[in-house]
């Protein structure tokens, strides 16, 4: 990923370190320091961090249920726990005899 400071320099925009960008909820989505270390995060609508990566190549991603409980976690070190939504039937809609049903994982 290209660092924000590189883009700002190319555009001739003056800036100071640390560069910190926050979303509308106040969550830090990007932070970069003068030593070139950066990290970025993504959040779901409830404010749970769903993705993190840093300039050292580490990353993790998480998924949460409606109550905010972590249901899936995976990171760049190969740690995995839970079942990703993409492999779950929860929330999927099926049709049987013309009627639609929404599946719920138990």
PDB file of N, CA and C in Angstrom:
ATOM      1  N   UNK A   1       0.844  -1.184   0.000  1.00  0.00           N
ATOM      2  CA  UNK A   1       0.000   0.000   0.000  1.00  0.00           C
ATOM      3  C   UNK A   1       0.882   1.237   0.000  1.00  0.00           C
ATOM      4  N   UNK A   2       0.528   2.203  -0.784  1.00  0.00           N
ATOM      5  CA  UNK A   2       1.257   3.463  -0.837  1.00  0.00           C
ATOM      6  C   UNK A   2       0.917   4.282   0.403  1.00  0.00           C
ATOM      7  N   UNK A   3       1.932   4.823   1.030  1.00  0.00           N
ATOM      8  CA  UNK A   3       1.716   5.621   2.235  1.00  0.00           C
ATOM      9  C   UNK A   3       1.095   6.972   1.877  1.00  0.00           C
ATOM     10  N   UNK A   4       0.230   7.460   2.744  1.00  0.00           N
ATOM     11  CA  UNK A   4      -0.430   8.737   2.520  1.00  0.00           C
ATOM     12  C   UNK A   4       0.590   9.866   2.419  1.00  0.00           C
ATOM     13  N   UNK A   5       1.641   9.805   3.217  1.00  0.00           N
ATOM     14  CA  UNK A   5       2.653  10.869   3.184  1.00  0.00           C
ATOM     15  C   UNK A   5       3.291  10.981   1.795  1.00  0.00           C
ATOM     16  N   UNK A   6       3.482   9.842   1.108  1.00  0.00           N
ATOM     17  CA  UNK A   6       4.039   9.878  -0.247  1.00  0.00           C
ATOM     18  C   UNK A   6       3.103  10.606  -1.203  1.00  0.00           C
ATOM     19  N   UNK A   7       1.823  10.336  -1.099  1.00  0.00           N
ATOM     20  CA  UNK A   7       0.836  11.006  -1.952  1.00  0.00           C
ATOM     21  C   UNK A   7       0.788  12.495  -1.654  1.00  0.00           C
ATOM     22  N   UNK A   8       0.800  12.859  -0.378  1.00  0.00           N
ATOM     23  CA  UNK A   8       0.769  14.278  -0.012  1.00  0.00           C
ATOM     24  C   UNK A   8       2.002  15.005  -0.535  1.00  0.00           C
ATOM     25  N   UNK A   9       3.176  14.361  -0.453  1.00  0.00           N
ATOM     26  CA  UNK A   9       4.409  14.959  -0.986  1.00  0.00           C
ATOM     27  C   UNK A   9       4.303  15.160  -2.492  1.00  0.00           C
ATOM     28  N   UNK A  10       3.817  14.143  -3.207  1.00  0.00           N
ATOM     29  CA  UNK A  10       3.659  14.254  -4.666  1.00  0.00           C
ATOM     30  C   UNK A  10       2.740  15.398  -5.050  1.00  0.00           C
ATOM     31  N   UNK A  11       1.726  15.633  -4.245  1.00  0.00           N
ATOM     32  CA  UNK A  11       0.767  16.703  -4.521  1.00  0.00           C
ATOM     33  C   UNK A  11       1.227  18.062  -4.008  1.00  0.00           C
ATOM     34  N   UNK A  12       2.351  18.089  -3.309  1.00  0.00           N
ATOM     35  CA  UNK A  12       2.866  19.346  -2.765  1.00  0.00           C
ATOM     36  C   UNK A  12       2.063  19.874  -1.596  1.00  0.00           C
ATOM     37  N   UNK A  13       1.409  18.991  -0.888  1.00  0.00           N
ATOM     38  CA  UNK A  13       0.580  19.380   0.257  1.00  0.00           C
ATOM     39  C   UNK A  13       1.409  19.269   1.527  1.00  0.00           C
ATOM     40  N   UNK A  14       1.437  20.337   2.289  1.00  0.00           N
ATOM     41  CA  UNK A  14       2.186  20.369   3.546  1.00  0.00           C
ATOM     42  C   UNK A  14       1.434  19.547   4.605  1.00  0.00           C
ATOM     43  N   UNK A  15       2.187  18.833   5.418  1.00  0.00           N
ATOM     44  CA  UNK A  15       1.581  18.020   6.472  1.00  0.00           C
ATOM     45  C   UNK A  15       2.576  17.844   7.602  1.00  0.00           C
ATOM     46  N   UNK A  16       2.092  17.343   8.720  1.00  0.00           N
ATOM     47  CA  UNK A  16       2.924  17.030   9.881  1.00  0.00           C
ATOM     48  C   UNK A  16       2.605  15.628  10.349  1.00  0.00           C
ATOM     49  N   UNK A  17       3.596  14.994  10.935  1.00  0.00           N
ATOM     50  CA  UNK A  17       3.394  13.674  11.540  1.00  0.00           C
ATOM     51  C   UNK A  17       3.012  13.851  12.999  1.00  0.00           C
ATOM     52  N   UNK A  18       2.241  12.960  13.555  1.00  0.00           N
ATOM     53  CA  UNK A  18       1.619  11.832  12.882  1.00  0.00           C
ATOM     54  C   UNK A  18       0.443  12.280  12.023  1.00  0.00           C
ATOM     55  N   UNK A  19       0.205  11.552  10.948  1.00  0.00           N
ATOM     56  CA  UNK A  19      -0.973  11.764  10.109  1.00  0.00           C
ATOM     57  C   UNK A  19      -2.047  10.833  10.673  1.00  0.00           C
ATOM     58  N   UNK A  20      -3.151  11.412  11.071  1.00  0.00           N
ATOM     59  CA  UNK A  20      -4.238  10.616  11.658  1.00  0.00           C
ATOM     60  C   UNK A  20      -5.534  10.956  10.940  1.00  0.00           C
ATOM     61  N   UNK A  21      -6.199   9.920  10.454  1.00  0.00           N
ATOM     62  CA  UNK A  21      -7.500  10.092   9.801  1.00  0.00           C
ATOM     63  C   UNK A  21      -8.522   9.294  10.598  1.00  0.00           C
ATOM     64  N   UNK A  22      -9.658   9.931  10.873  1.00  0.00           N
ATOM     65  CA  UNK A  22     -10.732   9.279  11.619  1.00  0.00           C
ATOM     66  C   UNK A  22     -11.996   9.259  10.782  1.00  0.00           C
ATOM     67  N   UNK A  23     -12.837   8.255  11.018  1.00  0.00           N
ATOM     68  CA  UNK A  23     -14.128   8.212  10.336  1.00  0.00           C
ATOM     69  C   UNK A  23     -15.131   9.084  11.084  1.00  0.00           C
ATOM     70  N   UNK A  24     -16.357   9.116  10.609  1.00  0.00           N
ATOM     71  CA  UNK A  24     -17.392   9.973  11.197  1.00  0.00           C
ATOM     72  C   UNK A  24     -17.685   9.627  12.653  1.00  0.00           C
ATOM     73  N   UNK A  25     -17.391   8.399  13.072  1.00  0.00           N
ATOM     74  CA  UNK A  25     -17.633   7.974  14.455  1.00  0.00           C
ATOM     75  C   UNK A  25     -16.439   8.225  15.369  1.00  0.00           C
ATOM     76  N   UNK A  26     -15.348   8.726  14.802  1.00  0.00           N
ATOM     77  CA  UNK A  26     -14.166   8.995  15.604  1.00  0.00           C
ATOM     78  C   UNK A  26     -13.174   7.850  15.667  1.00  0.00           C
ATOM     79  N   UNK A  27     -13.424   6.775  14.920  1.00  0.00           N
ATOM     80  CA  UNK A  27     -12.484   5.653  14.875  1.00  0.00           C
ATOM     81  C   UNK A  27     -11.297   6.015  13.991  1.00  0.00           C
ATOM     82  N   UNK A  28     -10.086   5.732  14.462  1.00  0.00           N
ATOM     83  CA  UNK A  28      -8.904   5.982  13.644  1.00  0.00           C
ATOM     84  C   UNK A  28      -8.855   4.957  12.515  1.00  0.00           C
ATOM     85  N   UNK A  29      -8.911   5.441  11.290  1.00  0.00           N
ATOM     86  CA  UNK A  29      -8.878   4.552  10.136  1.00  0.00           C
ATOM     87  C   UNK A  29      -7.500   4.514   9.486  1.00  0.00           C
ATOM     88  N   UNK A  30      -6.664   5.505   9.761  1.00  0.00           N
ATOM     89  CA  UNK A  30      -5.305   5.521   9.222  1.00  0.00           C
ATOM     90  C   UNK A  30      -4.432   6.367  10.134  1.00  0.00           C
ATOM     91  N   UNK A  31      -3.267   5.845  10.463  1.00  0.00           N
ATOM     92  CA  UNK A  31      -2.286   6.590  11.250  1.00  0.00           C
ATOM     93  C   UNK A  31      -0.905   6.295  10.679  1.00  0.00           C
ATOM     94  N   UNK A  32      -0.123   7.348  10.471  1.00  0.00           N
ATOM     95  CA  UNK A  32       1.232   7.188   9.949  1.00  0.00           C
ATOM     96  C   UNK A  32       2.181   8.073  10.756  1.00  0.00           C
ATOM     97  N   UNK A  33       3.335   7.511  11.076  1.00  0.00           N
ATOM     98  CA  UNK A  33       4.351   8.223  11.854  1.00  0.00           C
ATOM     99  C   UNK A  33       5.548   8.570  10.980  1.00  0.00           C
ATOM    100  N   UNK A  34       6.386   9.471  11.463  1.00  0.00           N
ATOM    101  CA  UNK A  34       7.539   9.937  10.700  1.00  0.00           C
ATOM    102  C   UNK A  34       8.560   8.836  10.427  1.00  0.00           C
ATOM    103  N   UNK A  35       8.549   7.759  11.197  1.00  0.00           N
ATOM    104  CA  UNK A  35       9.476   6.644  10.966  1.00  0.00           C
ATOM    105  C   UNK A  35       8.970   5.703   9.869  1.00  0.00           C
ATOM    106  N   UNK A  36       7.903   6.126   9.155  1.00  0.00           N
ATOM    107  CA  UNK A  36       7.299   5.395   8.034  1.00  0.00           C
ATOM    108  C   UNK A  36       6.372   4.259   8.481  1.00  0.00           C
ATOM    109  N   UNK A  37       6.222   4.042   9.786  1.00  0.00           N
ATOM    110  CA  UNK A  37       5.288   3.027  10.270  1.00  0.00           C
ATOM    111  C   UNK A  37       3.871   3.556  10.116  1.00  0.00           C
ATOM    112  N   UNK A  38       2.971   2.727   9.600  1.00  0.00           N
ATOM    113  CA  UNK A  38       1.566   3.104   9.490  1.00  0.00           C
ATOM    114  C   UNK A  38       0.691   1.921   9.872  1.00  0.00           C
ATOM    115  N   UNK A  39      -0.534   2.220  10.182  1.00  0.00           N
ATOM    116  CA  UNK A  39      -1.550   1.182  10.317  1.00  0.00           C
ATOM    117  C   UNK A  39      -2.879   1.749   9.860  1.00  0.00           C
ATOM    118  N   UNK A  40      -3.717   0.853   9.390  1.00  0.00           N
ATOM    119  CA  UNK A  40      -5.057   1.270   8.977  1.00  0.00           C
ATOM    120  C   UNK A  40      -6.065   0.259   9.476  1.00  0.00           C
ATOM    121  N   UNK A  41      -7.273   0.724   9.718  1.00  0.00           N
ATOM    122  CA  UNK A  41      -8.341  -0.111  10.258  1.00  0.00           C
ATOM    123  C   UNK A  41      -9.643   0.177   9.540  1.00  0.00           C
ATOM    124  N   UNK A  42     -10.520  -0.820   9.556  1.00  0.00           N
ATOM    125  CA  UNK A  42     -11.886  -0.658   9.058  1.00  0.00           C
ATOM    126  C   UNK A  42     -12.821  -1.102  10.174  1.00  0.00           C
ATOM    127  N   UNK A  43     -14.010  -0.505  10.199  1.00  0.00           N
ATOM    128  CA  UNK A  43     -14.980  -0.769  11.255  1.00  0.00           C
ATOM    129  C   UNK A  43     -16.350  -1.058  10.658  1.00  0.00           C
ATOM    130  N   UNK A  44     -17.147  -1.862  11.366  1.00  0.00           N
ATOM    131  CA  UNK A  44     -18.521  -2.093  10.920  1.00  0.00           C
ATOM    132  C   UNK A  44     -19.417  -0.980  11.466  1.00  0.00           C
ATOM    133  N   UNK A  45     -20.698  -1.065  11.159  1.00  0.00           N
ATOM    134  CA  UNK A  45     -21.654  -0.023  11.561  1.00  0.00           C
ATOM    135  C   UNK A  45     -21.774   0.118  13.075  1.00  0.00           C
ATOM    136  N   UNK A  46     -21.410  -0.917  13.818  1.00  0.00           N
ATOM    137  CA  UNK A  46     -21.482  -0.881  15.280  1.00  0.00           C
ATOM    138  C   UNK A  46     -20.180  -0.416  15.933  1.00  0.00           C
ATOM    139  N   UNK A  47     -19.173  -0.106  15.110  1.00  0.00           N
ATOM    140  CA  UNK A  47     -17.905   0.368  15.647  1.00  0.00           C
ATOM    141  C   UNK A  47     -16.906  -0.727  15.980  1.00  0.00           C
ATOM    142  N   UNK A  48     -17.216  -1.974  15.608  1.00  0.00           N
ATOM    143  CA  UNK A  48     -16.275  -3.076  15.822  1.00  0.00           C
ATOM    144  C   UNK A  48     -15.200  -3.046  14.745  1.00  0.00           C
ATOM    145  N   UNK A  49     -13.950  -3.191  15.138  1.00  0.00           N
ATOM    146  CA  UNK A  49     -12.870  -3.231  14.156  1.00  0.00           C
ATOM    147  C   UNK A  49     -12.962  -4.541  13.369  1.00  0.00           C
ATOM    148  N   UNK A  50     -13.110  -4.439  12.056  1.00  0.00           N
ATOM    149  CA  UNK A  50     -13.259  -5.619  11.210  1.00  0.00           C
ATOM    150  C   UNK A  50     -11.996  -5.931  10.414  1.00  0.00           C
ATOM    151  N   UNK A  51     -11.093  -4.958  10.306  1.00  0.00           N
ATOM    152  CA  UNK A  51      -9.859  -5.189   9.563  1.00  0.00           C
ATOM    153  C   UNK A  51      -8.768  -4.281  10.119  1.00  0.00           C
ATOM    154  N   UNK A  52      -7.550  -4.828  10.167  1.00  0.00           N
ATOM    155  CA  UNK A  52      -6.386  -4.061  10.613  1.00  0.00           C
ATOM    156  C   UNK A  52      -5.194  -4.514   9.786  1.00  0.00           C
ATOM    157  N   UNK A  53      -4.373  -3.564   9.372  1.00  0.00           N
ATOM    158  CA  UNK A  53      -3.101  -3.914   8.732  1.00  0.00           C
ATOM    159  C   UNK A  53      -2.066  -2.860   9.107  1.00  0.00           C
ATOM    160  N   UNK A  54      -0.796  -3.274   9.101  1.00  0.00           N
ATOM    161  CA  UNK A  54       0.255  -2.307   9.373  1.00  0.00           C
ATOM    162  C   UNK A  54       1.379  -2.434   8.349  1.00  0.00           C
ATOM    163  N   UNK A  55       2.319  -1.504   8.426  1.00  0.00           N
ATOM    164  CA  UNK A  55       3.402  -1.450   7.457  1.00  0.00           C
ATOM    165  C   UNK A  55       4.394  -2.600   7.607  1.00  0.00           C
ATOM    166  N   UNK A  56       4.309  -3.350   8.689  1.00  0.00           N
ATOM    167  CA  UNK A  56       5.168  -4.522   8.870  1.00  0.00           C
ATOM    168  C   UNK A  56       4.595  -5.760   8.187  1.00  0.00           C
ATOM    169  N   UNK A  57       3.414  -5.641   7.582  1.00  0.00           N
ATOM    170  CA  UNK A  57       2.794  -6.757   6.879  1.00  0.00           C
ATOM    171  C   UNK A  57       1.809  -7.555   7.712  1.00  0.00           C
ATOM    172  N   UNK A  58       1.639  -7.185   8.983  1.00  0.00           N
ATOM    173  CA  UNK A  58       0.672  -7.886   9.826  1.00  0.00           C
ATOM    174  C   UNK A  58      -0.734  -7.408   9.471  1.00  0.00           C
ATOM    175  N   UNK A  59      -1.695  -8.324   9.477  1.00  0.00           N
ATOM    176  CA  UNK A  59      -3.103  -7.970   9.283  1.00  0.00           C
ATOM    177  C   UNK A  59      -3.976  -8.934  10.077  1.00  0.00           C
ATOM    178  N   UNK A  60      -5.186  -8.481  10.369  1.00  0.00           N
ATOM    179  CA  UNK A  60      -6.204  -9.373  10.927  1.00  0.00           C
ATOM    180  C   UNK A  60      -7.571  -8.902  10.479  1.00  0.00           C
ATOM    181  N   UNK A  61      -8.499  -9.846  10.455  1.00  0.00           N
ATOM    182  CA  UNK A  61      -9.880  -9.490  10.141  1.00  0.00           C
ATOM    183  C   UNK A  61     -10.803 -10.237  11.080  1.00  0.00           C
ATOM    184  N   UNK A  62     -11.916  -9.593  11.403  1.00  0.00           N
ATOM    185  CA  UNK A  62     -12.881 -10.137  12.354  1.00  0.00           C
ATOM    186  C   UNK A  62     -14.289  -9.950  11.814  1.00  0.00           C
ATOM    187  N   UNK A  63     -15.161 -10.831  12.266  1.00  0.00           N
ATOM    188  CA  UNK A  63     -16.592 -10.682  12.004  1.00  0.00           C
ATOM    189  C   UNK A  63     -17.315 -10.807  13.335  1.00  0.00           C
ATOM    190  N   UNK A  64     -18.471 -10.152  13.433  1.00  0.00           N
ATOM    191  CA  UNK A  64     -19.223 -10.103  14.681  1.00  0.00           C
ATOM    192  C   UNK A  64     -20.688 -10.419  14.425  1.00  0.00           C
ATOM    193  N   UNK A  65     -21.356 -10.952  15.444  1.00  0.00           N
ATOM    194  CA  UNK A  65     -22.794 -11.174  15.328  1.00  0.00           C
ATOM    195  C   UNK A  65     -23.527  -9.888  15.711  1.00  0.00           C
ATOM    196  N   UNK A  66     -24.858  -9.949  15.697  1.00  0.00           N
ATOM    197  CA  UNK A  66     -25.680  -8.766  15.974  1.00  0.00           C
ATOM    198  C   UNK A  66     -25.477  -8.222  17.391  1.00  0.00           C
ATOM    199  N   UNK A  67     -24.995  -9.060  18.299  1.00  0.00           N
ATOM    200  CA  UNK A  67     -24.765  -8.620  19.683  1.00  0.00           C
ATOM    201  C   UNK A  67     -23.356  -8.078  19.899  1.00  0.00           C
ATOM    202  N   UNK A  68     -22.542  -8.093  18.853  1.00  0.00           N
ATOM    203  CA  UNK A  68     -21.173  -7.594  18.976  1.00  0.00           C
ATOM    204  C   UNK A  68     -20.166  -8.633  19.418  1.00  0.00           C
ATOM    205  N   UNK A  69     -20.579  -9.897  19.462  1.00  0.00           N
ATOM    206  CA  UNK A  69     -19.660 -10.972  19.826  1.00  0.00           C
ATOM    207  C   UNK A  69     -18.846 -11.385  18.604  1.00  0.00           C
ATOM    208  N   UNK A  70     -17.559 -11.565  18.788  1.00  0.00           N
ATOM    209  CA  UNK A  70     -16.709 -12.003  17.685  1.00  0.00           C
ATOM    210  C   UNK A  70     -17.097 -13.420  17.258  1.00  0.00           C
ATOM    211  N   UNK A  71     -17.368 -13.595  15.976  1.00  0.00           N
ATOM    212  CA  UNK A  71     -17.738 -14.909  15.460  1.00  0.00           C
ATOM    213  C   UNK A  71     -16.660 -15.500  14.565  1.00  0.00           C
ATOM    214  N   UNK A  72     -15.752 -14.659  14.092  1.00  0.00           N
ATOM    215  CA  UNK A  72     -14.666 -15.124  13.234  1.00  0.00           C
ATOM    216  C   UNK A  72     -13.458 -14.213  13.406  1.00  0.00           C
ATOM    217  N   UNK A  73     -12.272 -14.834  13.407  1.00  0.00           N
ATOM    218  CA  UNK A  73     -11.016 -14.087  13.498  1.00  0.00           C
ATOM    219  C   UNK A  73      -9.974 -14.804  12.652  1.00  0.00           C
ATOM    220  N   UNK A  74      -9.202 -14.030  11.911  1.00  0.00           N
ATOM    221  CA  UNK A  74      -8.110 -14.579  11.114  1.00  0.00           C
ATOM    222  C   UNK A  74      -7.002 -13.531  11.062  1.00  0.00           C
ATOM    223  N   UNK A  75      -5.729 -13.991  11.116  1.00  0.00           N
ATOM    224  CA  UNK A  75      -4.641 -13.025  10.977  1.00  0.00           C
ATOM    225  C   UNK A  75      -3.534 -13.553  10.072  1.00  0.00           C
ATOM    226  N   UNK A  76      -2.568 -12.687   9.796  1.00  0.00           N
ATOM    227  CA  UNK A  76      -1.487 -13.008   8.869  1.00  0.00           C
ATOM    228  C   UNK A  76      -0.526 -14.056   9.416  1.00  0.00           C
ATOM    229  N   UNK A  77      -0.602 -14.362  10.694  1.00  0.00           N
ATOM    230  CA  UNK A  77       0.230 -15.413  11.287  1.00  0.00           C
ATOM    231  C   UNK A  77      -0.399 -16.795  11.112  1.00  0.00           C
ATOM    232  N   UNK A  78      -1.575 -16.851  10.484  1.00  0.00           N
ATOM    233  CA  UNK A  78      -2.243 -18.126  10.241  1.00  0.00           C
ATOM    234  C   UNK A  78      -3.242 -18.535  11.307  1.00  0.00           C
ATOM    235  N   UNK A  79      -3.473 -17.682  12.288  1.00  0.00           N
ATOM    236  CA  UNK A  79      -4.449 -17.981  13.340  1.00  0.00           C
ATOM    237  C   UNK A  79      -5.850 -17.807  12.766  1.00  0.00           C
ATOM    238  N   UNK A  80      -6.695 -18.811  12.971  1.00  0.00           N
ATOM    239  CA  UNK A  80      -8.100 -18.730  12.551  1.00  0.00           C
ATOM    240  C   UNK A  80      -8.961 -19.334  13.645  1.00  0.00           C
ATOM    241  N   UNK A  81     -10.074 -18.672  13.915  1.00  0.00           N
ATOM    242  CA  UNK A  81     -11.049 -19.244  14.842  1.00  0.00           C
ATOM    243  C   UNK A  81     -12.438 -18.781  14.418  1.00  0.00           C
ATOM    244  N   UNK A  82     -13.403 -19.662  14.600  1.00  0.00           N
ATOM    245  CA  UNK A  82     -14.769 -19.361  14.202  1.00  0.00           C
ATOM    246  C   UNK A  82     -15.016 -19.707  12.744  1.00  0.00           C
ATOM    247  N   UNK A  83     -16.179 -19.314  12.252  1.00  0.00           N
ATOM    248  CA  UNK A  83     -16.581 -19.584  10.874  1.00  0.00           C
ATOM    249  C   UNK A  83     -16.906 -18.266  10.192  1.00  0.00           C
ATOM    250  N   UNK A  84     -16.242 -17.975   9.072  1.00  0.00           N
ATOM    251  CA  UNK A  84     -16.565 -16.731   8.365  1.00  0.00           C
ATOM    252  C   UNK A  84     -17.980 -16.769   7.804  1.00  0.00           C
ATOM    253  N   UNK A  85     -18.617 -15.624   7.739  1.00  0.00           N
ATOM    254  CA  UNK A  85     -19.979 -15.546   7.224  1.00  0.00           C
ATOM    255  C   UNK A  85     -20.104 -16.151   5.829  1.00  0.00           C
ATOM    256  N   UNK A  86     -19.055 -16.005   5.044  1.00  0.00           N
ATOM    257  CA  UNK A  86     -19.102 -16.530   3.688  1.00  0.00           C
ATOM    258  C   UNK A  86     -19.259 -18.055   3.679  1.00  0.00           C
ATOM    259  N   UNK A  87     -18.939 -18.722   4.794  1.00  0.00           N
ATOM    260  CA  UNK A  87     -19.078 -20.171   4.877  1.00  0.00           C
ATOM    261  C   UNK A  87     -20.271 -20.575   5.741  1.00  0.00           C
ATOM    262  N   UNK A  88     -21.013 -19.616   6.204  1.00  0.00           N
ATOM    263  CA  UNK A  88     -22.182 -19.885   7.035  1.00  0.00           C
ATOM    264  C   UNK A  88     -23.448 -19.701   6.212  1.00  0.00           C
ATOM    265  N   UNK A  89     -24.493 -20.379   6.601  1.00  0.00           N
ATOM    266  CA  UNK A  89     -25.785 -20.232   5.928  1.00  0.00           C
ATOM    267  C   UNK A  89     -26.625 -19.136   6.578  1.00  0.00           C
ATOM    268  N   UNK A  90     -26.180 -18.622   7.718  1.00  0.00           N
ATOM    269  CA  UNK A  90     -26.947 -17.628   8.457  1.00  0.00           C
ATOM    270  C   UNK A  90     -27.267 -16.424   7.574  1.00  0.00           C
ATOM    271  N   UNK A  91     -28.538 -16.089   7.503  1.00  0.00           N
ATOM    272  CA  UNK A  91     -28.985 -14.938   6.745  1.00  0.00           C
ATOM    273  C   UNK A  91     -29.280 -15.211   5.282  1.00  0.00           C
ATOM    274  N   UNK A  92     -28.921 -16.383   4.793  1.00  0.00           N
ATOM    275  CA  UNK A  92     -29.185 -16.697   3.393  1.00  0.00           C
ATOM    276  C   UNK A  92     -30.664 -17.012   3.209  1.00  0.00           C
ATOM    277  N   UNK A  93     -31.173 -16.708   2.023  1.00  0.00           N
ATOM    278  CA  UNK A  93     -32.588 -16.919   1.714  1.00  0.00           C
ATOM    279  C   UNK A  93     -32.705 -18.092   0.749  1.00  0.00           C
ATOM    280  N   UNK A  94     -33.618 -18.989   1.074  1.00  0.00           N
ATOM    281  CA  UNK A  94     -33.902 -20.116   0.184  1.00  0.00           C
ATOM    282  C   UNK A  94     -35.376 -20.063  -0.188  1.00  0.00           C
ATOM    283  N   UNK A  95     -35.708 -20.707  -1.294  1.00  0.00           N
ATOM    284  CA  UNK A  95     -37.100 -20.752  -1.725  1.00  0.00           C
ATOM    285  C   UNK A  95     -37.547 -22.197  -1.837  1.00  0.00           C
ATOM    286  N   UNK A  96     -38.670 -22.495  -1.202  1.00  0.00           N
ATOM    287  CA  UNK A  96     -39.242 -23.838  -1.231  1.00  0.00           C
ATOM    288  C   UNK A  96     -40.717 -23.701  -1.594  1.00  0.00           C
ATOM    289  N   UNK A  97     -41.120 -24.350  -2.649  1.00  0.00           N
ATOM    290  CA  UNK A  97     -42.521 -24.308  -3.110  1.00  0.00           C
ATOM    291  C   UNK A  97     -43.040 -22.876  -3.236  1.00  0.00           C
ATOM    292  N   UNK A  98     -42.213 -21.998  -3.758  1.00  0.00           N
ATOM    293  CA  UNK A  98     -42.623 -20.619  -3.993  1.00  0.00           C
ATOM    294  C   UNK A  98     -42.574 -19.708  -2.777  1.00  0.00           C
ATOM    295  N   UNK A  99     -42.221 -20.246  -1.606  1.00  0.00           N
ATOM    296  CA  UNK A  99     -42.110 -19.428  -0.394  1.00  0.00           C
ATOM    297  C   UNK A  99     -40.639 -19.231  -0.062  1.00  0.00           C
ATOM    298  N   UNK A 100     -40.306 -18.035   0.397  1.00  0.00           N
ATOM    299  CA  UNK A 100     -38.925 -17.723   0.742  1.00  0.00           C
ATOM    300  C   UNK A 100     -38.726 -17.825   2.246  1.00  0.00           C
ATOM    301  N   UNK A 101     -37.588 -18.390   2.627  1.00  0.00           N
ATOM    302  CA  UNK A 101     -37.237 -18.565   4.031  1.00  0.00           C
ATOM    303  C   UNK A 101     -35.828 -18.040   4.264  1.00  0.00           C
ATOM    304  N   UNK A 102     -35.664 -17.338   5.368  1.00  0.00           N
ATOM    305  CA  UNK A 102     -34.339 -16.830   5.733  1.00  0.00           C
ATOM    306  C   UNK A 102     -33.755 -17.791   6.775  1.00  0.00           C
ATOM    307  N   UNK A 103     -32.559 -18.297   6.507  1.00  0.00           N
ATOM    308  CA  UNK A 103     -31.925 -19.259   7.395  1.00  0.00           C
ATOM    309  C   UNK A 103     -31.276 -18.564   8.588  1.00  0.00           C
ATOM    310  N   UNK A 104     -31.313 -19.229   9.720  1.00  0.00           N
ATOM    311  CA  UNK A 104     -30.689 -18.715  10.940  1.00  0.00           C
ATOM    312  C   UNK A 104     -29.808 -19.813  11.513  1.00  0.00           C
ATOM    313  N   UNK A 105     -28.534 -19.479  11.729  1.00  0.00           N
ATOM    314  CA  UNK A 105     -27.605 -20.459  12.301  1.00  0.00           C
ATOM    315  C   UNK A 105     -27.883 -20.619  13.786  1.00  0.00           C
ATOM    316  N   UNK A 106     -27.887 -21.837  14.253  1.00  0.00           N
ATOM    317  CA  UNK A 106     -28.159 -22.102  15.666  1.00  0.00           C
ATOM    318  C   UNK A 106     -26.869 -22.291  16.432  1.00  0.00           C
TER     319      UNK A 106
END
